[in-house]
PDB file of N, CA and C in Angstrom:
ATOM      1  N   MET A   1      99.743 118.165  92.375  1.00  0.00           N
ATOM      2  CA  MET A   1     100.438 119.201  93.282  1.00  0.00           C
ATOM      3  C   MET A   1     101.273 118.164  94.410  1.00  0.00           C
ATOM      4  N   ALA A   2     102.325 118.375  94.785  1.00  0.00           N
ATOM      5  CA  ALA A   2     102.916 117.492  95.907  1.00  0.00           C
ATOM      6  C   ALA A   2     102.718 118.650  97.037  1.00  0.00           C
ATOM      7  N   LYS A   3     102.859 117.393  98.275  1.00  0.00           N
ATOM      8  CA  LYS A   3     102.963 118.012  99.427  1.00  0.00           C
ATOM      9  C   LYS A   3     103.845 117.552 100.521  1.00  0.00           C
ATOM     10  N   LYS A   4     104.714 118.541 101.275  1.00  0.00           N
ATOM     11  CA  LYS A   4     105.576 117.963 102.237  1.00  0.00           C
ATOM     12  C   LYS A   4     105.238 117.828 103.919  1.00  0.00           C
ATOM     13  N   VAL A   5     105.475 116.611 104.107  1.00  0.00           N
ATOM     14  CA  VAL A   5     105.162 116.485 105.705  1.00  0.00           C
ATOM     15  C   VAL A   5     106.132 115.687 106.449  1.00  0.00           C
ATOM     16  N   VAL A   6     106.369 116.657 107.664  1.00  0.00           N
ATOM     17  CA  VAL A   6     107.497 116.312 108.138  1.00  0.00           C
ATOM     18  C   VAL A   6     107.361 114.893 108.812  1.00  0.00           C
ATOM     19  N   ALA A   7     108.350 114.107 108.804  1.00  0.00           N
ATOM     20  CA  ALA A   7     108.122 112.881 109.660  1.00  0.00           C
ATOM     21  C   ALA A   7     108.518 112.701 110.814  1.00  0.00           C
ATOM     22  N   THR A   8     108.091 112.290 111.498  1.00  0.00           N
ATOM     23  CA  THR A   8     108.715 111.925 112.893  1.00  0.00           C
ATOM     24  C   THR A   8     108.860 110.169 113.128  1.00  0.00           C
ATOM     25  N   LEU A   9     110.271 109.961 113.185  1.00  0.00           N
ATOM     26  CA  LEU A   9     111.262 108.931 113.451  1.00  0.00           C
ATOM     27  C   LEU A   9     111.422 108.878 114.801  1.00  0.00           C
ATOM     28  N   ARG A  10     111.460 107.727 115.235  1.00  0.00           N
ATOM     29  CA  ARG A  10     111.993 107.338 116.433  1.00  0.00           C
ATOM     30  C   ARG A  10     113.523 107.508 116.932  1.00  0.00           C
ATOM     31  N   THR A  11     114.343 107.468 115.818  1.00  0.00           N
ATOM     32  CA  THR A  11     115.676 107.687 116.090  1.00  0.00           C
ATOM     33  C   THR A  11     116.102 109.356 115.814  1.00  0.00           C
ATOM     34  N   SER A  12     117.361 109.703 116.561  1.00  0.00           N
ATOM     35  CA  SER A  12     117.534 111.072 116.213  1.00  0.00           C
ATOM     36  C   SER A  12     117.904 111.558 114.718  1.00  0.00           C
ATOM     37  N   SER A  13     118.212 110.563 114.176  1.00  0.00           N
ATOM     38  CA  SER A  13     118.674 111.222 112.537  1.00  0.00           C
ATOM     39  C   SER A  13     117.360 111.235 111.923  1.00  0.00           C
ATOM     40  N   GLY A  14     115.947 111.278 112.398  1.00  0.00           N
ATOM     41  CA  GLY A  14     114.694 111.305 111.842  1.00  0.00           C
ATOM     42  C   GLY A  14     114.318 112.621 111.460  1.00  0.00           C
ATOM     43  N   LYS A  15     115.055 113.463 112.279  1.00  0.00           N
ATOM     44  CA  LYS A  15     114.805 114.715 112.066  1.00  0.00           C
ATOM     45  C   LYS A  15     115.216 115.308 110.485  1.00  0.00           C
ATOM     46  N   ASP A  16     115.976 114.525 109.841  1.00  0.00           N
ATOM     47  CA  ASP A  16     116.836 114.912 108.822  1.00  0.00           C
ATOM     48  C   ASP A  16     116.396 114.392 107.561  1.00  0.00           C
ATOM     49  N   PHE A  17     114.913 113.987 107.746  1.00  0.00           N
ATOM     50  CA  PHE A  17     114.113 113.238 106.351  1.00  0.00           C
ATOM     51  C   PHE A  17     112.901 114.081 106.505  1.00  0.00           C
ATOM     52  N   ALA A  18     112.078 113.997 105.211  1.00  0.00           N
ATOM     53  CA  ALA A  18     110.620 114.405 105.210  1.00  0.00           C
ATOM     54  C   ALA A  18     110.016 113.365 104.638  1.00  0.00           C
ATOM     55  N   LYS A  19     108.736 113.366 104.657  1.00  0.00           N
ATOM     56  CA  LYS A  19     108.030 112.385 103.850  1.00  0.00           C
ATOM     57  C   LYS A  19     107.235 113.037 102.797  1.00  0.00           C
ATOM     58  N   VAL A  20     107.497 112.644 101.395  1.00  0.00           N
ATOM     59  CA  VAL A  20     106.955 113.335 100.635  1.00  0.00           C
ATOM     60  C   VAL A  20     105.908 112.806  99.570  1.00  0.00           C
ATOM     61  N   TYR A  21     104.758 113.073  99.595  1.00  0.00           N
ATOM     62  CA  TYR A  21     103.788 112.643  98.924  1.00  0.00           C
ATOM     63  C   TYR A  21     103.612 113.174  97.433  1.00  0.00           C
ATOM     64  N   ARG A  22     103.507 112.679  96.561  1.00  0.00           N
ATOM     65  CA  ARG A  22     103.317 112.967  95.168  1.00  0.00           C
ATOM     66  C   ARG A  22     102.104 112.252  94.551  1.00  0.00           C
ATOM     67  N   MET A  23     101.351 112.854  93.706  1.00  0.00           N
ATOM     68  CA  MET A  23     100.175 112.045  93.015  1.00  0.00           C
ATOM     69  C   MET A  23     100.557 111.888  91.791  1.00  0.00           C
ATOM     70  N   VAL A  24     100.442 110.747  90.961  1.00  0.00           N
ATOM     71  CA  VAL A  24     100.888 109.702  90.034  1.00  0.00           C
ATOM     72  C   VAL A  24      99.683 108.819  89.218  1.00  0.00           C
ATOM     73  N   LYS A  25      99.704 109.077  88.262  1.00  0.00           N
ATOM     74  CA  LYS A  25      98.472 108.388  87.476  1.00  0.00           C
ATOM     75  C   LYS A  25      98.858 106.800  87.425  1.00  0.00           C
ATOM     76  N   SER A  26      98.141 106.101  87.728  1.00  0.00           N
ATOM     77  CA  SER A  26      98.420 104.530  87.495  1.00  0.00           C
ATOM     78  C   SER A  26      98.251 104.113  86.080  1.00  0.00           C
ATOM     79  N   PRO A  27      99.297 103.439  85.851  1.00  0.00           N
ATOM     80  CA  PRO A  27      99.141 102.936  83.836  1.00  0.00           C
ATOM     81  C   PRO A  27      98.179 101.783  83.900  1.00  0.00           C
ATOM     82  N   LYS A  28      97.684 101.191  84.714  1.00  0.00           N
ATOM     83  CA  LYS A  28      96.915  99.999  85.071  1.00  0.00           C
ATOM     84  C   LYS A  28      95.698 100.576  84.702  1.00  0.00           C
ATOM     85  N   THR A  29      95.082 101.588  85.604  1.00  0.00           N
ATOM     86  CA  THR A  29      93.675 102.015  85.729  1.00  0.00           C
ATOM     87  C   THR A  29      93.680 103.169  85.145  1.00  0.00           C
ATOM     88  N   GLY A  30      94.506 104.097  85.185  1.00  0.00           N
ATOM     89  CA  GLY A  30      94.297 105.343  84.519  1.00  0.00           C
ATOM     90  C   GLY A  30      93.822 106.337  86.254  1.00  0.00           C
ATOM     91  N   ALA A  31      93.735 105.885  87.197  1.00  0.00           N
ATOM     92  CA  ALA A  31      93.349 106.950  88.132  1.00  0.00           C
ATOM     93  C   ALA A  31      94.390 107.162  89.013  1.00  0.00           C
ATOM     94  N   TYR A  32      94.337 108.524  89.428  1.00  0.00           N
ATOM     95  CA  TYR A  32      95.360 108.907  90.430  1.00  0.00           C
ATOM     96  C   TYR A  32      95.615 108.432  91.678  1.00  0.00           C
ATOM     97  N   VAL A  33      96.978 108.147  92.200  1.00  0.00           N
ATOM     98  CA  VAL A  33      96.921 107.389  93.390  1.00  0.00           C
ATOM     99  C   VAL A  33      98.218 108.443  94.107  1.00  0.00           C
ATOM    100  N   TRP A  34      98.145 108.525  95.501  1.00  0.00           N
ATOM    101  CA  TRP A  34      99.255 108.907  96.031  1.00  0.00           C
ATOM    102  C   TRP A  34     100.164 108.138  96.433  1.00  0.00           C
ATOM    103  N   LYS A  35     101.793 108.690  96.020  1.00  0.00           N
ATOM    104  CA  LYS A  35     102.862 107.619  96.219  1.00  0.00           C
ATOM    105  C   LYS A  35     103.419 108.659  97.507  1.00  0.00           C
ATOM    106  N   ASP A  36     103.992 107.709  98.687  1.00  0.00           N
ATOM    107  CA  ASP A  36     104.814 108.456  99.662  1.00  0.00           C
ATOM    108  C   ASP A  36     106.188 108.078  99.692  1.00  0.00           C
ATOM    109  N   THR A  37     107.038 109.078  99.889  1.00  0.00           N
ATOM    110  CA  THR A  37     108.592 108.453  99.920  1.00  0.00           C
ATOM    111  C   THR A  37     109.254 109.222 100.700  1.00  0.00           C
ATOM    112  N   MET A  38     110.192 108.617 101.705  1.00  0.00           N
ATOM    113  CA  MET A  38     110.933 109.162 102.658  1.00  0.00           C
ATOM    114  C   MET A  38     112.273 109.877 102.140  1.00  0.00           C
ATOM    115  N   VAL A  39     112.327 111.173 102.016  1.00  0.00           N
ATOM    116  CA  VAL A  39     113.722 111.783 101.031  1.00  0.00           C
ATOM    117  C   VAL A  39     114.213 112.852 102.290  1.00  0.00           C
ATOM    118  N   PRO A  40     115.712 112.599 102.153  1.00  0.00           N
ATOM    119  CA  PRO A  40     116.392 113.714 102.997  1.00  0.00           C
ATOM    120  C   PRO A  40     115.991 115.320 102.783  1.00  0.00           C
ATOM    121  N   ASN A  41     116.060 116.069 103.759  1.00  0.00           N
ATOM    122  CA  ASN A  41     115.548 117.342 103.786  1.00  0.00           C
ATOM    123  C   ASN A  41     116.415 117.974 102.677  1.00  0.00           C
ATOM    124  N   ASP A  42     117.807 117.685 102.370  1.00  0.00           N
ATOM    125  CA  ASP A  42     118.391 118.355 101.268  1.00  0.00           C
ATOM    126  C   ASP A  42     118.003 117.962  99.945  1.00  0.00           C
ATOM    127  N   GLY A  43     117.542 116.910  99.686  1.00  0.00           N
ATOM    128  CA  GLY A  43     116.993 116.727  98.529  1.00  0.00           C
ATOM    129  C   GLY A  43     115.663 116.632  97.885  1.00  0.00           C
ATOM    130  N   VAL A  44     114.617 117.417  98.789  1.00  0.00           N
ATOM    131  CA  VAL A  44     113.610 117.488  98.560  1.00  0.00           C
ATOM    132  C   VAL A  44     113.035 118.108  97.325  1.00  0.00           C
ATOM    133  N   LYS A  45     113.622 119.234  97.228  1.00  0.00           N
ATOM    134  CA  LYS A  45     113.737 120.264  96.032  1.00  0.00           C
ATOM    135  C   LYS A  45     113.927 119.339  94.699  1.00  0.00           C
ATOM    136  N   GLU A  46     114.609 118.688  94.684  1.00  0.00           N
ATOM    137  CA  GLU A  46     115.408 117.594  93.443  1.00  0.00           C
ATOM    138  C   GLU A  46     114.475 116.758  93.254  1.00  0.00           C
ATOM    139  N   PHE A  47     113.776 116.051  94.328  1.00  0.00           N
ATOM    140  CA  PHE A  47     112.648 115.041  94.109  1.00  0.00           C
ATOM    141  C   PHE A  47     111.211 115.664  93.535  1.00  0.00           C
ATOM    142  N   LEU A  48     110.975 116.917  94.059  1.00  0.00           N
ATOM    143  CA  LEU A  48     110.048 117.188  93.450  1.00  0.00           C
ATOM    144  C   LEU A  48     110.133 117.900  92.041  1.00  0.00           C
ATOM    145  N   ALA A  49     111.425 118.458  91.792  1.00  0.00           N
ATOM    146  CA  ALA A  49     111.559 118.797  90.231  1.00  0.00           C
ATOM    147  C   ALA A  49     111.802 117.631  89.388  1.00  0.00           C
ATOM    148  N   LYS A  50     111.887 116.474  89.881  1.00  0.00           N
ATOM    149  CA  LYS A  50     112.182 115.528  88.747  1.00  0.00           C
ATOM    150  C   LYS A  50     110.452 114.894  88.182  1.00  0.00           C
ATOM    151  N   GLN A  51     110.750 114.163  86.920  1.00  0.00           N
ATOM    152  CA  GLN A  51     109.428 113.787  86.766  1.00  0.00           C
ATOM    153  C   GLN A  51     109.353 112.310  87.064  1.00  0.00           C
ATOM    154  N   SER A  52     108.086 111.779  87.354  1.00  0.00           N
ATOM    155  CA  SER A  52     108.642 110.133  87.890  1.00  0.00           C
ATOM    156  C   SER A  52     107.870 109.198  86.694  1.00  0.00           C
TER     157      SER A  52
END
């Protein structure tokens, strides 16, 4: 399950982005790790819907 965390950047355009965390299985070790990505607020649902 992914969770959305609002990012606070120092520029005024930082309010248009969200930091999204996704749990991904590592192909090397087989353990699950968290990957974080900065995504525009408009594209959060599309980002979470696609398979990585």
